[in-house]
Amino acid sequence: MELKTVMETTDPMLAQLIKSRLDAAGIQCVIDNETNPLAGAMSTRIKVRQEDEELAKELVDEDASED
């Protein structure tokens, strides 16, 4: 199964917030580098299944526009 990146950030807390938002919408996702102790210094990517990519990007963009 190929996973698609819908967001990239160096903020691990933001990544967790977006993951929670996607989970609440029924979209399964994974966070790359989640357990890496240097996660705050490296890019963290949120990935979803290809069939969920479009909706996930819409939700990520919606959250970004609320800031």
PDB file of N, CA and C in Angstrom:
ATOM      1  N   MET A   1       0.859  -1.180   0.000  1.00  0.00           N
ATOM      2  CA  MET A   1       0.000   0.000   0.000  1.00  0.00           C
ATOM      3  C   MET A   1       0.897   1.232   0.000  1.00  0.00           C
ATOM      4  N   GLU A   2       0.655   2.113  -0.935  1.00  0.00           N
ATOM      5  CA  GLU A   2       1.438   3.332  -1.036  1.00  0.00           C
ATOM      6  C   GLU A   2       0.796   4.435  -0.199  1.00  0.00           C
ATOM      7  N   LEU A   3       1.616   5.087   0.624  1.00  0.00           N
ATOM      8  CA  LEU A   3       1.134   6.195   1.436  1.00  0.00           C
ATOM      9  C   LEU A   3       1.559   7.510   0.803  1.00  0.00           C
ATOM     10  N   LYS A   4       0.700   8.493   0.910  1.00  0.00           N
ATOM     11  CA  LYS A   4       0.941   9.811   0.328  1.00  0.00           C
ATOM     12  C   LYS A   4       1.128  10.837   1.446  1.00  0.00           C
ATOM     13  N   THR A   5       2.098  11.714   1.279  1.00  0.00           N
ATOM     14  CA  THR A   5       2.344  12.772   2.251  1.00  0.00           C
ATOM     15  C   THR A   5       1.337  13.898   2.041  1.00  0.00           C
ATOM     16  N   VAL A   6       0.654  14.277   3.132  1.00  0.00           N
ATOM     17  CA  VAL A   6      -0.315  15.374   3.044  1.00  0.00           C
ATOM     18  C   VAL A   6       0.146  16.603   3.819  1.00  0.00           C
ATOM     19  N   MET A   7       1.198  16.429   4.637  1.00  0.00           N
ATOM     20  CA  MET A   7       1.732  17.560   5.382  1.00  0.00           C
ATOM     21  C   MET A   7       3.141  17.247   5.827  1.00  0.00           C
ATOM     22  N   GLU A   8       3.960  18.282   5.880  1.00  0.00           N
ATOM     23  CA  GLU A   8       5.331  18.158   6.376  1.00  0.00           C
ATOM     24  C   GLU A   8       5.596  19.325   7.310  1.00  0.00           C
ATOM     25  N   THR A   9       6.161  19.033   8.480  1.00  0.00           N
ATOM     26  CA  THR A   9       6.410  20.067   9.476  1.00  0.00           C
ATOM     27  C   THR A   9       7.596  19.671  10.346  1.00  0.00           C
ATOM     28  N   THR A  10       8.182  20.650  11.012  1.00  0.00           N
ATOM     29  CA  THR A  10       9.220  20.351  11.999  1.00  0.00           C
ATOM     30  C   THR A  10       8.654  20.468  13.412  1.00  0.00           C
ATOM     31  N   ASP A  11       7.360  20.722  13.518  1.00  0.00           N
ATOM     32  CA  ASP A  11       6.683  20.874  14.810  1.00  0.00           C
ATOM     33  C   ASP A  11       5.951  19.574  15.162  1.00  0.00           C
ATOM     34  N   PRO A  12       6.514  18.755  16.063  1.00  0.00           N
ATOM     35  CA  PRO A  12       5.867  17.484  16.399  1.00  0.00           C
ATOM     36  C   PRO A  12       4.483  17.640  17.037  1.00  0.00           C
ATOM     37  N   MET A  13       4.263  18.737  17.757  1.00  0.00           N
ATOM     38  CA  MET A  13       2.946  18.959  18.361  1.00  0.00           C
ATOM     39  C   MET A  13       1.898  19.250  17.285  1.00  0.00           C
ATOM     40  N   LEU A  14       2.281  20.026  16.286  1.00  0.00           N
ATOM     41  CA  LEU A  14       1.373  20.290  15.171  1.00  0.00           C
ATOM     42  C   LEU A  14       1.056  18.999  14.430  1.00  0.00           C
ATOM     43  N   ALA A  15       2.048  18.166  14.235  1.00  0.00           N
ATOM     44  CA  ALA A  15       1.828  16.881  13.562  1.00  0.00           C
ATOM     45  C   ALA A  15       0.821  16.039  14.342  1.00  0.00           C
ATOM     46  N   GLN A  16       0.927  16.016  15.668  1.00  0.00           N
ATOM     47  CA  GLN A  16      -0.015  15.256  16.495  1.00  0.00           C
ATOM     48  C   GLN A  16      -1.424  15.851  16.409  1.00  0.00           C
ATOM     49  N   LEU A  17      -1.505  17.168  16.373  1.00  0.00           N
ATOM     50  CA  LEU A  17      -2.800  17.840  16.255  1.00  0.00           C
ATOM     51  C   LEU A  17      -3.481  17.480  14.936  1.00  0.00           C
ATOM     52  N   ILE A  18      -2.732  17.531  13.849  1.00  0.00           N
ATOM     53  CA  ILE A  18      -3.281  17.190  12.534  1.00  0.00           C
ATOM     54  C   ILE A  18      -3.659  15.715  12.485  1.00  0.00           C
ATOM     55  N   LYS A  19      -2.830  14.854  13.071  1.00  0.00           N
ATOM     56  CA  LYS A  19      -3.144  13.415  13.115  1.00  0.00           C
ATOM     57  C   LYS A  19      -4.466  13.196  13.841  1.00  0.00           C
ATOM     58  N   SER A  20      -4.660  13.889  14.950  1.00  0.00           N
ATOM     59  CA  SER A  20      -5.915  13.767  15.698  1.00  0.00           C
ATOM     60  C   SER A  20      -7.104  14.213  14.856  1.00  0.00           C
ATOM     61  N   ARG A  21      -6.918  15.286  14.124  1.00  0.00           N
ATOM     62  CA  ARG A  21      -7.992  15.811  13.255  1.00  0.00           C
ATOM     63  C   ARG A  21      -8.346  14.795  12.172  1.00  0.00           C
ATOM     64  N   LEU A  22      -7.314  14.212  11.553  1.00  0.00           N
ATOM     65  CA  LEU A  22      -7.559  13.223  10.507  1.00  0.00           C
ATOM     66  C   LEU A  22      -8.205  11.963  11.088  1.00  0.00           C
ATOM     67  N   ASP A  23      -7.719  11.515  12.242  1.00  0.00           N
ATOM     68  CA  ASP A  23      -8.308  10.345  12.900  1.00  0.00           C
ATOM     69  C   ASP A  23      -9.794  10.580  13.191  1.00  0.00           C
ATOM     70  N   ALA A  24     -10.118  11.776  13.671  1.00  0.00           N
ATOM     71  CA  ALA A  24     -11.513  12.109  13.992  1.00  0.00           C
ATOM     72  C   ALA A  24     -12.400  12.091  12.749  1.00  0.00           C
ATOM     73  N   ALA A  25     -11.789  12.367  11.596  1.00  0.00           N
ATOM     74  CA  ALA A  25     -12.535  12.352  10.328  1.00  0.00           C
ATOM     75  C   ALA A  25     -12.578  10.950   9.724  1.00  0.00           C
ATOM     76  N   GLY A  26     -12.003   9.973  10.425  1.00  0.00           N
ATOM     77  CA  GLY A  26     -12.022   8.594   9.942  1.00  0.00           C
ATOM     78  C   GLY A  26     -10.921   8.279   8.947  1.00  0.00           C
ATOM     79  N   ILE A  27      -9.904   9.131   8.890  1.00  0.00           N
ATOM     80  CA  ILE A  27      -8.792   8.923   7.965  1.00  0.00           C
ATOM     81  C   ILE A  27      -7.603   8.382   8.748  1.00  0.00           C
ATOM     82  N   GLN A  28      -7.209   7.166   8.430  1.00  0.00           N
ATOM     83  CA  GLN A  28      -6.045   6.582   9.079  1.00  0.00           C
ATOM     84  C   GLN A  28      -4.793   7.251   8.548  1.00  0.00           C
ATOM     85  N   CYS A  29      -3.858   7.563   9.452  1.00  0.00           N
ATOM     86  CA  CYS A  29      -2.625   8.203   9.019  1.00  0.00           C
ATOM     87  C   CYS A  29      -1.474   7.760   9.907  1.00  0.00           C
ATOM     88  N   VAL A  30      -0.282   8.008   9.410  1.00  0.00           N
ATOM     89  CA  VAL A  30       0.927   7.716  10.171  1.00  0.00           C
ATOM     90  C   VAL A  30       1.810   8.952  10.154  1.00  0.00           C
ATOM     91  N   ILE A  31       2.631   9.055  11.190  1.00  0.00           N
ATOM     92  CA  ILE A  31       3.592  10.151  11.276  1.00  0.00           C
ATOM     93  C   ILE A  31       4.983   9.554  11.162  1.00  0.00           C
ATOM     94  N   ASP A  32       5.717   9.975  10.131  1.00  0.00           N
ATOM     95  CA  ASP A  32       7.119   9.572  10.000  1.00  0.00           C
ATOM     96  C   ASP A  32       7.926  10.246  11.101  1.00  0.00           C
ATOM     97  N   ASN A  33       8.962   9.603  11.559  1.00  0.00           N
ATOM     98  CA  ASN A  33       9.882  10.156  12.564  1.00  0.00           C
ATOM     99  C   ASN A  33       9.217  10.414  13.910  1.00  0.00           C
ATOM    100  N   GLU A  34       8.067   9.817  14.160  1.00  0.00           N
ATOM    101  CA  GLU A  34       7.329  10.087  15.396  1.00  0.00           C
ATOM    102  C   GLU A  34       8.144   9.716  16.634  1.00  0.00           C
ATOM    103  N   THR A  35       8.884   8.640  16.567  1.00  0.00           N
ATOM    104  CA  THR A  35       9.642   8.202  17.737  1.00  0.00           C
ATOM    105  C   THR A  35      11.103   8.630  17.686  1.00  0.00           C
ATOM    106  N   ASN A  36      11.479   9.378  16.678  1.00  0.00           N
ATOM    107  CA  ASN A  36      12.849   9.854  16.549  1.00  0.00           C
ATOM    108  C   ASN A  36      13.093  10.958  17.580  1.00  0.00           C
ATOM    109  N   PRO A  37      14.135  10.843  18.401  1.00  0.00           N
ATOM    110  CA  PRO A  37      14.383  11.874  19.407  1.00  0.00           C
ATOM    111  C   PRO A  37      14.732  13.238  18.802  1.00  0.00           C
ATOM    112  N   LEU A  38      15.098  13.266  17.540  1.00  0.00           N
ATOM    113  CA  LEU A  38      15.412  14.519  16.862  1.00  0.00           C
ATOM    114  C   LEU A  38      14.245  15.029  16.020  1.00  0.00           C
ATOM    115  N   ALA A  39      13.052  14.538  16.279  1.00  0.00           N
ATOM    116  CA  ALA A  39      11.890  14.863  15.449  1.00  0.00           C
ATOM    117  C   ALA A  39      11.671  16.365  15.316  1.00  0.00           C
ATOM    118  N   GLY A  40      11.946  17.133  16.342  1.00  0.00           N
ATOM    119  CA  GLY A  40      11.752  18.574  16.264  1.00  0.00           C
ATOM    120  C   GLY A  40      12.757  19.272  15.377  1.00  0.00           C
ATOM    121  N   ALA A  41      13.883  18.608  15.106  1.00  0.00           N
ATOM    122  CA  ALA A  41      14.916  19.196  14.256  1.00  0.00           C
ATOM    123  C   ALA A  41      14.831  18.694  12.826  1.00  0.00           C
ATOM    124  N   MET A  42      14.055  17.670  12.615  1.00  0.00           N
ATOM    125  CA  MET A  42      13.922  17.070  11.290  1.00  0.00           C
ATOM    126  C   MET A  42      12.474  17.223  10.819  1.00  0.00           C
ATOM    127  N   SER A  43      12.287  17.121   9.525  1.00  0.00           N
ATOM    128  CA  SER A  43      10.926  17.171   8.985  1.00  0.00           C
ATOM    129  C   SER A  43      10.153  15.928   9.398  1.00  0.00           C
ATOM    130  N   THR A  44       8.931  16.148   9.791  1.00  0.00           N
ATOM    131  CA  THR A  44       8.007  15.077  10.124  1.00  0.00           C
ATOM    132  C   THR A  44       6.909  15.111   9.082  1.00  0.00           C
ATOM    133  N   ARG A  45       6.600  13.956   8.506  1.00  0.00           N
ATOM    134  CA  ARG A  45       5.584  13.886   7.461  1.00  0.00           C
ATOM    135  C   ARG A  45       4.378  13.089   7.945  1.00  0.00           C
ATOM    136  N   ILE A  46       3.208  13.603   7.626  1.00  0.00           N
ATOM    137  CA  ILE A  46       1.964  12.889   7.892  1.00  0.00           C
ATOM    138  C   ILE A  46       1.551  12.253   6.581  1.00  0.00           C
ATOM    139  N   LYS A  47       1.328  10.944   6.643  1.00  0.00           N
ATOM    140  CA  LYS A  47       1.003  10.192   5.428  1.00  0.00           C
ATOM    141  C   LYS A  47      -0.330   9.472   5.588  1.00  0.00           C
ATOM    142  N   VAL A  48      -1.050   9.392   4.462  1.00  0.00           N
ATOM    143  CA  VAL A  48      -2.343   8.717   4.427  1.00  0.00           C
ATOM    144  C   VAL A  48      -2.394   7.779   3.222  1.00  0.00           C
ATOM    145  N   ARG A  49      -3.403   6.922   3.213  1.00  0.00           N
ATOM    146  CA  ARG A  49      -3.603   6.059   2.049  1.00  0.00           C
ATOM    147  C   ARG A  49      -3.955   6.918   0.841  1.00  0.00           C
ATOM    148  N   GLN A  50      -3.597   6.438  -0.319  1.00  0.00           N
ATOM    149  CA  GLN A  50      -3.820   7.189  -1.555  1.00  0.00           C
ATOM    150  C   GLN A  50      -5.286   7.588  -1.724  1.00  0.00           C
ATOM    151  N   GLU A  51      -6.202   6.704  -1.385  1.00  0.00           N
ATOM    152  CA  GLU A  51      -7.626   7.010  -1.571  1.00  0.00           C
ATOM    153  C   GLU A  51      -8.130   8.086  -0.597  1.00  0.00           C
ATOM    154  N   ASP A  52      -7.391   8.365   0.473  1.00  0.00           N
ATOM    155  CA  ASP A  52      -7.777   9.398   1.433  1.00  0.00           C
ATOM    156  C   ASP A  52      -7.027  10.717   1.217  1.00  0.00           C
ATOM    157  N   GLU A  53      -6.117  10.738   0.256  1.00  0.00           N
ATOM    158  CA  GLU A  53      -5.228  11.893   0.083  1.00  0.00           C
ATOM    159  C   GLU A  53      -5.982  13.210  -0.136  1.00  0.00           C
ATOM    160  N   GLU A  54      -6.945  13.221  -1.027  1.00  0.00           N
ATOM    161  CA  GLU A  54      -7.643  14.465  -1.368  1.00  0.00           C
ATOM    162  C   GLU A  54      -8.371  15.048  -0.161  1.00  0.00           C
ATOM    163  N   LEU A  55      -9.153  14.223   0.528  1.00  0.00           N
ATOM    164  CA  LEU A  55      -9.896  14.701   1.699  1.00  0.00           C
ATOM    165  C   LEU A  55      -8.934  15.130   2.803  1.00  0.00           C
ATOM    166  N   ALA A  56      -7.874  14.367   3.008  1.00  0.00           N
ATOM    167  CA  ALA A  56      -6.900  14.714   4.046  1.00  0.00           C
ATOM    168  C   ALA A  56      -6.258  16.065   3.761  1.00  0.00           C
ATOM    169  N   LYS A  57      -5.900  16.317   2.514  1.00  0.00           N
ATOM    170  CA  LYS A  57      -5.299  17.606   2.157  1.00  0.00           C
ATOM    171  C   LYS A  57      -6.288  18.747   2.388  1.00  0.00           C
ATOM    172  N   GLU A  58      -7.556  18.505   2.089  1.00  0.00           N
ATOM    173  CA  GLU A  58      -8.574  19.531   2.334  1.00  0.00           C
ATOM    174  C   GLU A  58      -8.656  19.858   3.821  1.00  0.00           C
ATOM    175  N   LEU A  59      -8.637  18.841   4.665  1.00  0.00           N
ATOM    176  CA  LEU A  59      -8.714  19.057   6.108  1.00  0.00           C
ATOM    177  C   LEU A  59      -7.468  19.769   6.626  1.00  0.00           C
ATOM    178  N   VAL A  60      -6.306  19.396   6.129  1.00  0.00           N
ATOM    179  CA  VAL A  60      -5.053  20.050   6.530  1.00  0.00           C
ATOM    180  C   VAL A  60      -5.083  21.513   6.114  1.00  0.00           C
ATOM    181  N   ASP A  61      -5.515  21.774   4.884  1.00  0.00           N
ATOM    182  CA  ASP A  61      -5.589  23.151   4.385  1.00  0.00           C
ATOM    183  C   ASP A  61      -6.614  23.967   5.191  1.00  0.00           C
ATOM    184  N   GLU A  62      -7.711  23.316   5.567  1.00  0.00           N
ATOM    185  CA  GLU A  62      -8.740  23.987   6.358  1.00  0.00           C
ATOM    186  C   GLU A  62      -8.175  24.395   7.721  1.00  0.00           C
ATOM    187  N   ASP A  63      -7.428  23.499   8.340  1.00  0.00           N
ATOM    188  CA  ASP A  63      -6.817  23.810   9.636  1.00  0.00           C
ATOM    189  C   ASP A  63      -5.795  24.923   9.498  1.00  0.00           C
ATOM    190  N   ALA A  64      -5.026  24.922   8.429  1.00  0.00           N
ATOM    191  CA  ALA A  64      -4.007  25.946   8.217  1.00  0.00           C
ATOM    192  C   ALA A  64      -4.639  27.322   8.021  1.00  0.00           C
ATOM    193  N   SER A  65      -5.796  27.361   7.370  1.00  0.00           N
ATOM    194  CA  SER A  65      -6.440  28.653   7.105  1.00  0.00           C
ATOM    195  C   SER A  65      -7.085  29.229   8.369  1.00  0.00           C
ATOM    196  N   GLU A  66      -7.293  28.407   9.389  1.00  0.00           N
ATOM    197  CA  GLU A  66      -7.900  28.879  10.639  1.00  0.00           C
ATOM    198  C   GLU A  66      -6.886  29.566  11.528  1.00  0.00           C
ATOM    199  N   ASP A  67      -5.606  29.419  11.249  1.00  0.00           N
ATOM    200  CA  ASP A  67      -4.555  30.030  12.088  1.00  0.00           C
ATOM    201  C   ASP A  67      -4.457  31.512  11.895  1.00  0.00           C
TER     202      ASP A  67
END
